[in-house]
Amino acid sequence: MKEILGDLETWRRQGKKIAIARVVDIEGSGPRLPGAAMAVNEDGQVAGSVSGGCVEGAVVVESLECLKTGERKIVTFGYSDDEAFAVGLTCGGTIHLFLEPLDW
């Protein structure tokens, strides 16, 4: 979370709506450990990372939906090792994220 605090403060001053995605669990190998965080503002700007790039695009989509609905949710992304290699990822595994709108 510390790595995104500067961006969060800037967006807060700008009055932006923000969703936070946090890694809450991984199964198998994963690029980021539980606690890793990513923030997405209503304009689709991103701060931080939950997967080192593997699923960030999908997390942006889920985060924007979270901002529209105002609902918290758990999302899961996973690849087998073979599928991961085929799409250029270096690891398989499953990542579980908790997404929520940030309430100032």
PDB file of N, CA and C in Angstrom:
ATOM      1  N   MET A   1       0.826  -1.206   0.000  1.00  0.00           N
ATOM      2  CA  MET A   1       0.000   0.000   0.000  1.00  0.00           C
ATOM      3  C   MET A   1       0.866   1.264   0.000  1.00  0.00           C
ATOM      4  N   LYS A   2       2.017   1.225   0.650  1.00  0.00           N
ATOM      5  CA  LYS A   2       2.836   2.433   0.740  1.00  0.00           C
ATOM      6  C   LYS A   2       3.205   2.985  -0.626  1.00  0.00           C
ATOM      7  N   GLU A   3       3.421   2.087  -1.600  1.00  0.00           N
ATOM      8  CA  GLU A   3       3.854   2.540  -2.920  1.00  0.00           C
ATOM      9  C   GLU A   3       2.783   3.327  -3.672  1.00  0.00           C
ATOM     10  N   ILE A   4       1.537   3.225  -3.264  1.00  0.00           N
ATOM     11  CA  ILE A   4       0.466   3.938  -3.976  1.00  0.00           C
ATOM     12  C   ILE A   4      -0.075   5.140  -3.210  1.00  0.00           C
ATOM     13  N   LEU A   5       0.451   5.405  -2.019  1.00  0.00           N
ATOM     14  CA  LEU A   5      -0.090   6.490  -1.196  1.00  0.00           C
ATOM     15  C   LEU A   5      -0.002   7.859  -1.866  1.00  0.00           C
ATOM     16  N   GLY A   6       1.080   8.137  -2.553  1.00  0.00           N
ATOM     17  CA  GLY A   6       1.224   9.428  -3.224  1.00  0.00           C
ATOM     18  C   GLY A   6       0.146   9.643  -4.275  1.00  0.00           C
ATOM     19  N   ASP A   7      -0.093   8.601  -5.085  1.00  0.00           N
ATOM     20  CA  ASP A   7      -1.136   8.697  -6.108  1.00  0.00           C
ATOM     21  C   ASP A   7      -2.514   8.833  -5.465  1.00  0.00           C
ATOM     22  N   LEU A   8      -2.760   8.076  -4.400  1.00  0.00           N
ATOM     23  CA  LEU A   8      -4.052   8.174  -3.721  1.00  0.00           C
ATOM     24  C   LEU A   8      -4.300   9.593  -3.215  1.00  0.00           C
ATOM     25  N   GLU A   9      -3.277  10.198  -2.650  1.00  0.00           N
ATOM     26  CA  GLU A   9      -3.427  11.556  -2.129  1.00  0.00           C
ATOM     27  C   GLU A   9      -3.704  12.543  -3.266  1.00  0.00           C
ATOM     28  N   THR A  10      -2.989  12.406  -4.374  1.00  0.00           N
ATOM     29  CA  THR A  10      -3.224  13.277  -5.529  1.00  0.00           C
ATOM     30  C   THR A  10      -4.665  13.132  -6.027  1.00  0.00           C
ATOM     31  N   TRP A  11      -5.107  11.894  -6.190  1.00  0.00           N
ATOM     32  CA  TRP A  11      -6.469  11.651  -6.674  1.00  0.00           C
ATOM     33  C   TRP A  11      -7.512  12.139  -5.683  1.00  0.00           C
ATOM     34  N   ARG A  12      -7.221  12.014  -4.379  1.00  0.00           N
ATOM     35  CA  ARG A  12      -8.160  12.515  -3.367  1.00  0.00           C
ATOM     36  C   ARG A  12      -8.329  14.020  -3.511  1.00  0.00           C
ATOM     37  N   ARG A  13      -7.204  14.730  -3.669  1.00  0.00           N
ATOM     38  CA  ARG A  13      -7.267  16.190  -3.836  1.00  0.00           C
ATOM     39  C   ARG A  13      -8.031  16.573  -5.093  1.00  0.00           C
ATOM     40  N   GLN A  14      -7.974  15.718  -6.127  1.00  0.00           N
ATOM     41  CA  GLN A  14      -8.675  15.978  -7.383  1.00  0.00           C
ATOM     42  C   GLN A  14     -10.141  15.550  -7.331  1.00  0.00           C
ATOM     43  N   GLY A  15     -10.545  14.933  -6.226  1.00  0.00           N
ATOM     44  CA  GLY A  15     -11.932  14.503  -6.078  1.00  0.00           C
ATOM     45  C   GLY A  15     -12.286  13.264  -6.880  1.00  0.00           C
ATOM     46  N   LYS A  16     -11.308  12.457  -7.220  1.00  0.00           N
ATOM     47  CA  LYS A  16     -11.535  11.257  -8.027  1.00  0.00           C
ATOM     48  C   LYS A  16     -12.104  10.124  -7.188  1.00  0.00           C
ATOM     49  N   LYS A  17     -12.967   9.323  -7.810  1.00  0.00           N
ATOM     50  CA  LYS A  17     -13.420   8.077  -7.201  1.00  0.00           C
ATOM     51  C   LYS A  17     -12.336   7.037  -7.462  1.00  0.00           C
ATOM     52  N   ILE A  18     -12.119   6.177  -6.460  1.00  0.00           N
ATOM     53  CA  ILE A  18     -11.025   5.207  -6.544  1.00  0.00           C
ATOM     54  C   ILE A  18     -11.483   3.852  -6.035  1.00  0.00           C
ATOM     55  N   ALA A  19     -11.026   2.813  -6.720  1.00  0.00           N
ATOM     56  CA  ALA A  19     -11.212   1.443  -6.235  1.00  0.00           C
ATOM     57  C   ALA A  19      -9.836   0.887  -5.887  1.00  0.00           C
ATOM     58  N   ILE A  20      -9.801   0.095  -4.829  1.00  0.00           N
ATOM     59  CA  ILE A  20      -8.567  -0.557  -4.392  1.00  0.00           C
ATOM     60  C   ILE A  20      -8.721  -2.057  -4.608  1.00  0.00           C
ATOM     61  N   ALA A  21      -7.712  -2.670  -5.204  1.00  0.00           N
ATOM     62  CA  ALA A  21      -7.647  -4.127  -5.354  1.00  0.00           C
ATOM     63  C   ALA A  21      -6.463  -4.615  -4.529  1.00  0.00           C
ATOM     64  N   ARG A  22      -6.704  -5.610  -3.683  1.00  0.00           N
ATOM     65  CA  ARG A  22      -5.627  -6.161  -2.842  1.00  0.00           C
ATOM     66  C   ARG A  22      -5.563  -7.667  -3.011  1.00  0.00           C
ATOM     67  N   VAL A  23      -4.352  -8.175  -3.103  1.00  0.00           N
ATOM     68  CA  VAL A  23      -4.163  -9.623  -3.128  1.00  0.00           C
ATOM     69  C   VAL A  23      -4.479 -10.147  -1.741  1.00  0.00           C
ATOM     70  N   VAL A  24      -5.429 -11.099  -1.666  1.00  0.00           N
ATOM     71  CA  VAL A  24      -5.784 -11.677  -0.377  1.00  0.00           C
ATOM     72  C   VAL A  24      -5.351 -13.138  -0.262  1.00  0.00           C
ATOM     73  N   ASP A  25      -5.063 -13.786  -1.400  1.00  0.00           N
ATOM     74  CA  ASP A  25      -4.606 -15.179  -1.353  1.00  0.00           C
ATOM     75  C   ASP A  25      -4.037 -15.546  -2.714  1.00  0.00           C
ATOM     76  N   ILE A  26      -3.096 -16.468  -2.714  1.00  0.00           N
ATOM     77  CA  ILE A  26      -2.594 -17.049  -3.954  1.00  0.00           C
ATOM     78  C   ILE A  26      -2.544 -18.553  -3.788  1.00  0.00           C
ATOM     79  N   GLU A  27      -2.751 -19.255  -4.890  1.00  0.00           N
ATOM     80  CA  GLU A  27      -2.621 -20.707  -4.916  1.00  0.00           C
ATOM     81  C   GLU A  27      -1.563 -21.027  -5.963  1.00  0.00           C
ATOM     82  N   GLY A  28      -0.616 -21.855  -5.615  1.00  0.00           N
ATOM     83  CA  GLY A  28       0.479 -22.120  -6.536  1.00  0.00           C
ATOM     84  C   GLY A  28       1.419 -20.935  -6.559  1.00  0.00           C
ATOM     85  N   SER A  29       2.048 -20.717  -7.703  1.00  0.00           N
ATOM     86  CA  SER A  29       2.979 -19.598  -7.805  1.00  0.00           C
ATOM     87  C   SER A  29       2.222 -18.330  -8.163  1.00  0.00           C
ATOM     88  N   GLY A  30       2.761 -17.224  -7.707  1.00  0.00           N
ATOM     89  CA  GLY A  30       2.153 -15.932  -7.991  1.00  0.00           C
ATOM     90  C   GLY A  30       3.205 -14.849  -7.948  1.00  0.00           C
ATOM     91  N   PRO A  31       3.068 -13.827  -8.776  1.00  0.00           N
ATOM     92  CA  PRO A  31       4.086 -12.780  -8.841  1.00  0.00           C
ATOM     93  C   PRO A  31       4.084 -11.817  -7.663  1.00  0.00           C
ATOM     94  N   ARG A  32       2.941 -11.654  -6.992  1.00  0.00           N
ATOM     95  CA  ARG A  32       2.860 -10.728  -5.858  1.00  0.00           C
ATOM     96  C   ARG A  32       2.212 -11.455  -4.685  1.00  0.00           C
ATOM     97  N   LEU A  33       2.671 -11.163  -3.507  1.00  0.00           N
ATOM     98  CA  LEU A  33       2.184 -11.823  -2.295  1.00  0.00           C
ATOM     99  C   LEU A  33       0.931 -11.131  -1.759  1.00  0.00           C
ATOM    100  N   PRO A  34       0.188 -11.828  -0.893  1.00  0.00           N
ATOM    101  CA  PRO A  34      -0.959 -11.173  -0.247  1.00  0.00           C
ATOM    102  C   PRO A  34      -0.538  -9.854   0.393  1.00  0.00           C
ATOM    103  N   GLY A  35      -1.390  -8.867   0.227  1.00  0.00           N
ATOM    104  CA  GLY A  35      -1.103  -7.523   0.704  1.00  0.00           C
ATOM    105  C   GLY A  35      -0.744  -6.569  -0.422  1.00  0.00           C
ATOM    106  N   ALA A  36      -0.277  -7.097  -1.561  1.00  0.00           N
ATOM    107  CA  ALA A  36       0.028  -6.231  -2.699  1.00  0.00           C
ATOM    108  C   ALA A  36      -1.248  -5.505  -3.109  1.00  0.00           C
ATOM    109  N   ALA A  37      -1.108  -4.254  -3.511  1.00  0.00           N
ATOM    110  CA  ALA A  37      -2.290  -3.441  -3.800  1.00  0.00           C
ATOM    111  C   ALA A  37      -2.140  -2.658  -5.096  1.00  0.00           C
ATOM    112  N   MET A  38      -3.295  -2.393  -5.675  1.00  0.00           N
ATOM    113  CA  MET A  38      -3.382  -1.588  -6.886  1.00  0.00           C
ATOM    114  C   MET A  38      -4.601  -0.694  -6.746  1.00  0.00           C
ATOM    115  N   ALA A  39      -4.467   0.554  -7.162  1.00  0.00           N
ATOM    116  CA  ALA A  39      -5.589   1.486  -7.134  1.00  0.00           C
ATOM    117  C   ALA A  39      -5.930   1.878  -8.567  1.00  0.00           C
ATOM    118  N   VAL A  40      -7.218   2.046  -8.824  1.00  0.00           N
ATOM    119  CA  VAL A  40      -7.699   2.473 -10.133  1.00  0.00           C
ATOM    120  C   VAL A  40      -8.658   3.628  -9.905  1.00  0.00           C
ATOM    121  N   ASN A  41      -8.411   4.759 -10.590  1.00  0.00           N
ATOM    122  CA  ASN A  41      -9.361   5.860 -10.426  1.00  0.00           C
ATOM    123  C   ASN A  41     -10.424   5.796 -11.520  1.00  0.00           C
ATOM    124  N   GLU A  42     -11.418   6.641 -11.398  1.00  0.00           N
ATOM    125  CA  GLU A  42     -12.568   6.613 -12.303  1.00  0.00           C
ATOM    126  C   GLU A  42     -12.193   6.860 -13.757  1.00  0.00           C
ATOM    127  N   ASP A  43     -11.005   7.420 -14.001  1.00  0.00           N
ATOM    128  CA  ASP A  43     -10.527   7.661 -15.359  1.00  0.00           C
ATOM    129  C   ASP A  43      -9.732   6.478 -15.910  1.00  0.00           C
ATOM    130  N   GLY A  44      -9.578   5.418 -15.097  1.00  0.00           N
ATOM    131  CA  GLY A  44      -8.820   4.254 -15.522  1.00  0.00           C
ATOM    132  C   GLY A  44      -7.329   4.355 -15.283  1.00  0.00           C
ATOM    133  N   GLN A  45      -6.894   5.399 -14.581  1.00  0.00           N
ATOM    134  CA  GLN A  45      -5.478   5.508 -14.231  1.00  0.00           C
ATOM    135  C   GLN A  45      -5.161   4.514 -13.124  1.00  0.00           C
ATOM    136  N   VAL A  46      -3.950   3.969 -13.156  1.00  0.00           N
ATOM    137  CA  VAL A  46      -3.565   2.888 -12.255  1.00  0.00           C
ATOM    138  C   VAL A  46      -2.332   3.269 -11.444  1.00  0.00           C
ATOM    139  N   ALA A  47      -2.331   2.854 -10.185  1.00  0.00           N
ATOM    140  CA  ALA A  47      -1.160   2.963  -9.321  1.00  0.00           C
ATOM    141  C   ALA A  47      -0.959   1.614  -8.653  1.00  0.00           C
ATOM    142  N   GLY A  48       0.271   1.149  -8.598  1.00  0.00           N
ATOM    143  CA  GLY A  48       0.569  -0.123  -7.954  1.00  0.00           C
ATOM    144  C   GLY A  48       0.357  -1.296  -8.882  1.00  0.00           C
ATOM    145  N   SER A  49       0.479  -2.493  -8.307  1.00  0.00           N
ATOM    146  CA  SER A  49       0.364  -3.717  -9.095  1.00  0.00           C
ATOM    147  C   SER A  49      -0.050  -4.871  -8.197  1.00  0.00           C
ATOM    148  N   VAL A  50      -0.887  -5.748  -8.741  1.00  0.00           N
ATOM    149  CA  VAL A  50      -1.272  -6.957  -8.010  1.00  0.00           C
ATOM    150  C   VAL A  50      -0.737  -8.221  -8.661  1.00  0.00           C
ATOM    151  N   SER A  51      -0.183  -8.075  -9.883  1.00  0.00           N
ATOM    152  CA  SER A  51       0.298  -9.278 -10.556  1.00  0.00           C
ATOM    153  C   SER A  51       1.532  -9.053 -11.419  1.00  0.00           C
ATOM    154  N   GLY A  52       2.125  -7.903 -11.338  1.00  0.00           N
ATOM    155  CA  GLY A  52       3.284  -7.643 -12.160  1.00  0.00           C
ATOM    156  C   GLY A  52       2.950  -7.551 -13.641  1.00  0.00           C
ATOM    157  N   GLY A  53       1.686  -7.327 -13.980  1.00  0.00           N
ATOM    158  CA  GLY A  53       1.278  -7.149 -15.360  1.00  0.00           C
ATOM    159  C   GLY A  53       0.434  -8.266 -15.926  1.00  0.00           C
ATOM    160  N   CYS A  54       0.417  -9.430 -15.281  1.00  0.00           N
ATOM    161  CA  CYS A  54      -0.287 -10.594 -15.827  1.00  0.00           C
ATOM    162  C   CYS A  54      -1.783 -10.353 -16.009  1.00  0.00           C
ATOM    163  N   VAL A  55      -2.430  -9.756 -15.032  1.00  0.00           N
ATOM    164  CA  VAL A  55      -3.886  -9.590 -15.093  1.00  0.00           C
ATOM    165  C   VAL A  55      -4.334  -8.150 -14.836  1.00  0.00           C
ATOM    166  N   GLU A  56      -3.413  -7.212 -14.872  1.00  0.00           N
ATOM    167  CA  GLU A  56      -3.750  -5.832 -14.523  1.00  0.00           C
ATOM    168  C   GLU A  56      -4.896  -5.268 -15.368  1.00  0.00           C
ATOM    169  N   GLY A  57      -4.913  -5.557 -16.673  1.00  0.00           N
ATOM    170  CA  GLY A  57      -5.987  -5.057 -17.533  1.00  0.00           C
ATOM    171  C   GLY A  57      -7.352  -5.519 -17.071  1.00  0.00           C
ATOM    172  N   ALA A  58      -7.460  -6.795 -16.705  1.00  0.00           N
ATOM    173  CA  ALA A  58      -8.729  -7.335 -16.217  1.00  0.00           C
ATOM    174  C   ALA A  58      -9.093  -6.720 -14.868  1.00  0.00           C
ATOM    175  N   VAL A  59      -8.096  -6.417 -14.045  1.00  0.00           N
ATOM    176  CA  VAL A  59      -8.357  -5.810 -12.739  1.00  0.00           C
ATOM    177  C   VAL A  59      -8.887  -4.384 -12.925  1.00  0.00           C
ATOM    178  N   VAL A  60      -8.386  -3.675 -13.921  1.00  0.00           N
ATOM    179  CA  VAL A  60      -8.906  -2.328 -14.206  1.00  0.00           C
ATOM    180  C   VAL A  60     -10.389  -2.416 -14.556  1.00  0.00           C
ATOM    181  N   VAL A  61     -10.751  -3.345 -15.421  1.00  0.00           N
ATOM    182  CA  VAL A  61     -12.156  -3.518 -15.806  1.00  0.00           C
ATOM    183  C   VAL A  61     -13.016  -3.826 -14.581  1.00  0.00           C
ATOM    184  N   GLU A  62     -12.577  -4.761 -13.754  1.00  0.00           N
ATOM    185  CA  GLU A  62     -13.320  -5.128 -12.542  1.00  0.00           C
ATOM    186  C   GLU A  62     -13.409  -3.956 -11.574  1.00  0.00           C
ATOM    187  N   SER A  63     -12.330  -3.176 -11.469  1.00  0.00           N
ATOM    188  CA  SER A  63     -12.317  -2.031 -10.556  1.00  0.00           C
ATOM    189  C   SER A  63     -13.288  -0.941 -11.002  1.00  0.00           C
ATOM    190  N   LEU A  64     -13.328  -0.675 -12.306  1.00  0.00           N
ATOM    191  CA  LEU A  64     -14.264   0.322 -12.822  1.00  0.00           C
ATOM    192  C   LEU A  64     -15.707  -0.120 -12.590  1.00  0.00           C
ATOM    193  N   GLU A  65     -15.961  -1.409 -12.732  1.00  0.00           N
ATOM    194  CA  GLU A  65     -17.300  -1.945 -12.436  1.00  0.00           C
ATOM    195  C   GLU A  65     -17.627  -1.770 -10.951  1.00  0.00           C
ATOM    196  N   CYS A  66     -16.642  -2.007 -10.111  1.00  0.00           N
ATOM    197  CA  CYS A  66     -16.800  -1.834  -8.668  1.00  0.00           C
ATOM    198  C   CYS A  66     -17.170  -0.377  -8.350  1.00  0.00           C
ATOM    199  N   LEU A  67     -16.548   0.566  -9.053  1.00  0.00           N
ATOM    200  CA  LEU A  67     -16.876   1.976  -8.843  1.00  0.00           C
ATOM    201  C   LEU A  67     -18.300   2.295  -9.289  1.00  0.00           C
ATOM    202  N   LYS A  68     -18.749   1.668 -10.358  1.00  0.00           N
ATOM    203  CA  LYS A  68     -20.112   1.901 -10.841  1.00  0.00           C
ATOM    204  C   LYS A  68     -21.153   1.378  -9.865  1.00  0.00           C
ATOM    205  N   THR A  69     -20.921   0.169  -9.339  1.00  0.00           N
ATOM    206  CA  THR A  69     -21.916  -0.464  -8.475  1.00  0.00           C
ATOM    207  C   THR A  69     -21.769  -0.073  -7.015  1.00  0.00           C
ATOM    208  N   GLY A  70     -20.550   0.303  -6.620  1.00  0.00           N
ATOM    209  CA  GLY A  70     -20.283   0.605  -5.218  1.00  0.00           C
ATOM    210  C   GLY A  70     -20.147  -0.625  -4.344  1.00  0.00           C
ATOM    211  N   GLU A  71     -20.107  -1.798  -4.975  1.00  0.00           N
ATOM    212  CA  GLU A  71     -20.060  -3.049  -4.217  1.00  0.00           C
ATOM    213  C   GLU A  71     -18.645  -3.604  -4.112  1.00  0.00           C
ATOM    214  N   ARG A  72     -18.374  -4.190  -2.962  1.00  0.00           N
ATOM    215  CA  ARG A  72     -17.110  -4.909  -2.742  1.00  0.00           C
ATOM    216  C   ARG A  72     -17.245  -6.299  -3.343  1.00  0.00           C
ATOM    217  N   LYS A  73     -16.115  -6.869  -3.765  1.00  0.00           N
ATOM    218  CA  LYS A  73     -16.181  -8.224  -4.300  1.00  0.00           C
ATOM    219  C   LYS A  73     -14.816  -8.893  -4.285  1.00  0.00           C
ATOM    220  N   ILE A  74     -14.859 -10.209  -4.345  1.00  0.00           N
ATOM    221  CA  ILE A  74     -13.665 -11.031  -4.510  1.00  0.00           C
ATOM    222  C   ILE A  74     -13.636 -11.468  -5.969  1.00  0.00           C
ATOM    223  N   VAL A  75     -12.496 -11.303  -6.618  1.00  0.00           N
ATOM    224  CA  VAL A  75     -12.323 -11.802  -7.980  1.00  0.00           C
ATOM    225  C   VAL A  75     -11.126 -12.736  -7.996  1.00  0.00           C
ATOM    226  N   THR A  76     -11.187 -13.724  -8.877  1.00  0.00           N
ATOM    227  CA  THR A  76     -10.138 -14.734  -8.975  1.00  0.00           C
ATOM    228  C   THR A  76      -9.668 -14.835 -10.408  1.00  0.00           C
ATOM    229  N   PHE A  77      -8.358 -14.870 -10.570  1.00  0.00           N
ATOM    230  CA  PHE A  77      -7.744 -15.068 -11.869  1.00  0.00           C
ATOM    231  C   PHE A  77      -6.756 -16.213 -11.727  1.00  0.00           C
ATOM    232  N   GLY A  78      -6.739 -17.113 -12.710  1.00  0.00           N
ATOM    233  CA  GLY A  78      -5.806 -18.219 -12.621  1.00  0.00           C
ATOM    234  C   GLY A  78      -5.489 -18.821 -13.966  1.00  0.00           C
ATOM    235  N   TYR A  79      -4.307 -19.360 -14.049  1.00  0.00           N
ATOM    236  CA  TYR A  79      -3.832 -20.067 -15.230  1.00  0.00           C
ATOM    237  C   TYR A  79      -3.093 -21.309 -14.778  1.00  0.00           C
ATOM    238  N   SER A  80      -3.219 -22.382 -15.550  1.00  0.00           N
ATOM    239  CA  SER A  80      -2.347 -23.522 -15.310  1.00  0.00           C
ATOM    240  C   SER A  80      -0.958 -23.125 -15.804  1.00  0.00           C
ATOM    241  N   ASP A  81       0.073 -23.852 -15.413  1.00  0.00           N
ATOM    242  CA  ASP A  81       1.419 -23.534 -15.875  1.00  0.00           C
ATOM    243  C   ASP A  81       1.502 -23.567 -17.396  1.00  0.00           C
ATOM    244  N   ASP A  82       0.853 -24.536 -18.047  1.00  0.00           N
ATOM    245  CA  ASP A  82       0.890 -24.635 -19.505  1.00  0.00           C
ATOM    246  C   ASP A  82       0.200 -23.438 -20.157  1.00  0.00           C
ATOM    247  N   GLU A  83      -0.985 -23.045 -19.640  1.00  0.00           N
ATOM    248  CA  GLU A  83      -1.696 -21.890 -20.185  1.00  0.00           C
ATOM    249  C   GLU A  83      -0.893 -20.620 -19.971  1.00  0.00           C
ATOM    250  N   ALA A  84      -0.280 -20.489 -18.805  1.00  0.00           N
ATOM    251  CA  ALA A  84       0.510 -19.299 -18.500  1.00  0.00           C
ATOM    252  C   ALA A  84       1.662 -19.158 -19.483  1.00  0.00           C
ATOM    253  N   PHE A  85       2.362 -20.248 -19.747  1.00  0.00           N
ATOM    254  CA  PHE A  85       3.485 -20.205 -20.674  1.00  0.00           C
ATOM    255  C   PHE A  85       3.011 -19.832 -22.078  1.00  0.00           C
ATOM    256  N   ALA A  86       1.858 -20.348 -22.486  1.00  0.00           N
ATOM    257  CA  ALA A  86       1.332 -20.106 -23.832  1.00  0.00           C
ATOM    258  C   ALA A  86       1.014 -18.634 -24.063  1.00  0.00           C
ATOM    259  N   VAL A  87       0.595 -17.909 -23.017  1.00  0.00           N
ATOM    260  CA  VAL A  87       0.276 -16.493 -23.183  1.00  0.00           C
ATOM    261  C   VAL A  87       1.413 -15.582 -22.733  1.00  0.00           C
ATOM    262  N   GLY A  88       2.581 -16.166 -22.458  1.00  0.00           N
ATOM    263  CA  GLY A  88       3.755 -15.367 -22.145  1.00  0.00           C
ATOM    264  C   GLY A  88       3.966 -15.069 -20.676  1.00  0.00           C
ATOM    265  N   LEU A  89       3.235 -15.716 -19.802  1.00  0.00           N
ATOM    266  CA  LEU A  89       3.425 -15.512 -18.369  1.00  0.00           C
ATOM    267  C   LEU A  89       4.492 -16.471 -17.868  1.00  0.00           C
ATOM    268  N   THR A  90       5.179 -16.088 -16.840  1.00  0.00           N
ATOM    269  CA  THR A  90       6.257 -16.927 -16.334  1.00  0.00           C
ATOM    270  C   THR A  90       5.814 -17.868 -15.231  1.00  0.00           C
ATOM    271  N   CYS A  91       4.594 -17.737 -14.769  1.00  0.00           N
ATOM    272  CA  CYS A  91       4.151 -18.605 -13.684  1.00  0.00           C
ATOM    273  C   CYS A  91       2.670 -18.929 -13.858  1.00  0.00           C
ATOM    274  N   GLY A  92       2.289 -20.065 -13.334  1.00  0.00           N
ATOM    275  CA  GLY A  92       0.874 -20.412 -13.305  1.00  0.00           C
ATOM    276  C   GLY A  92       0.327 -19.957 -11.965  1.00  0.00           C
ATOM    277  N   GLY A  93      -0.665 -20.636 -11.453  1.00  0.00           N
ATOM    278  CA  GLY A  93      -1.208 -20.284 -10.154  1.00  0.00           C
ATOM    279  C   GLY A  93      -2.483 -19.487 -10.266  1.00  0.00           C
ATOM    280  N   THR A  94      -3.051 -19.231  -9.115  1.00  0.00           N
ATOM    281  CA  THR A  94      -4.314 -18.504  -9.019  1.00  0.00           C
ATOM    282  C   THR A  94      -4.145 -17.379  -8.027  1.00  0.00           C
ATOM    283  N   ILE A  95      -4.702 -16.226  -8.369  1.00  0.00           N
ATOM    284  CA  ILE A  95      -4.628 -15.050  -7.502  1.00  0.00           C
ATOM    285  C   ILE A  95      -6.046 -14.627  -7.141  1.00  0.00           C
ATOM    286  N   HIS A  96      -6.282 -14.391  -5.854  1.00  0.00           N
ATOM    287  CA  HIS A  96      -7.579 -13.934  -5.353  1.00  0.00           C
ATOM    288  C   HIS A  96      -7.422 -12.490  -4.881  1.00  0.00           C
ATOM    289  N   LEU A  97      -8.300 -11.630  -5.373  1.00  0.00           N
ATOM    290  CA  LEU A  97      -8.237 -10.209  -5.050  1.00  0.00           C
ATOM    291  C   LEU A  97      -9.526  -9.750  -4.386  1.00  0.00           C
ATOM    292  N   PHE A  98      -9.381  -8.837  -3.445  1.00  0.00           N
ATOM    293  CA  PHE A  98     -10.532  -8.168  -2.842  1.00  0.00           C
ATOM    294  C   PHE A  98     -10.569  -6.760  -3.412  1.00  0.00           C
ATOM    295  N   LEU A  99     -11.686  -6.402  -4.032  1.00  0.00           N
ATOM    296  CA  LEU A  99     -11.862  -5.074  -4.607  1.00  0.00           C
ATOM    297  C   LEU A  99     -12.916  -4.317  -3.836  1.00  0.00           C
ATOM    298  N   GLU A 100     -12.639  -3.036  -3.610  1.00  0.00           N
ATOM    299  CA  GLU A 100     -13.617  -2.199  -2.925  1.00  0.00           C
ATOM    300  C   GLU A 100     -13.422  -0.740  -3.318  1.00  0.00           C
ATOM    301  N   PRO A 101     -14.518   0.010  -3.364  1.00  0.00           N
ATOM    302  CA  PRO A 101     -14.381   1.448  -3.584  1.00  0.00           C
ATOM    303  C   PRO A 101     -13.755   2.077  -2.334  1.00  0.00           C
ATOM    304  N   LEU A 102     -12.895   3.046  -2.525  1.00  0.00           N
ATOM    305  CA  LEU A 102     -12.276   3.741  -1.405  1.00  0.00           C
ATOM    306  C   LEU A 102     -13.249   4.800  -0.924  1.00  0.00           C
ATOM    307  N   ASP A 103     -13.537   4.768   0.361  1.00  0.00           N
ATOM    308  CA  ASP A 103     -14.457   5.738   0.969  1.00  0.00           C
ATOM    309  C   ASP A 103     -13.624   6.752   1.737  1.00  0.00           C
ATOM    310  N   TRP A 104     -13.552   7.966   1.193  1.00  0.00           N
ATOM    311  CA  TRP A 104     -12.760   9.002   1.853  1.00  0.00           C
ATOM    312  C   TRP A 104     -13.354   9.367   3.185  1.00  0.00           C
TER     313      TRP A 104
END
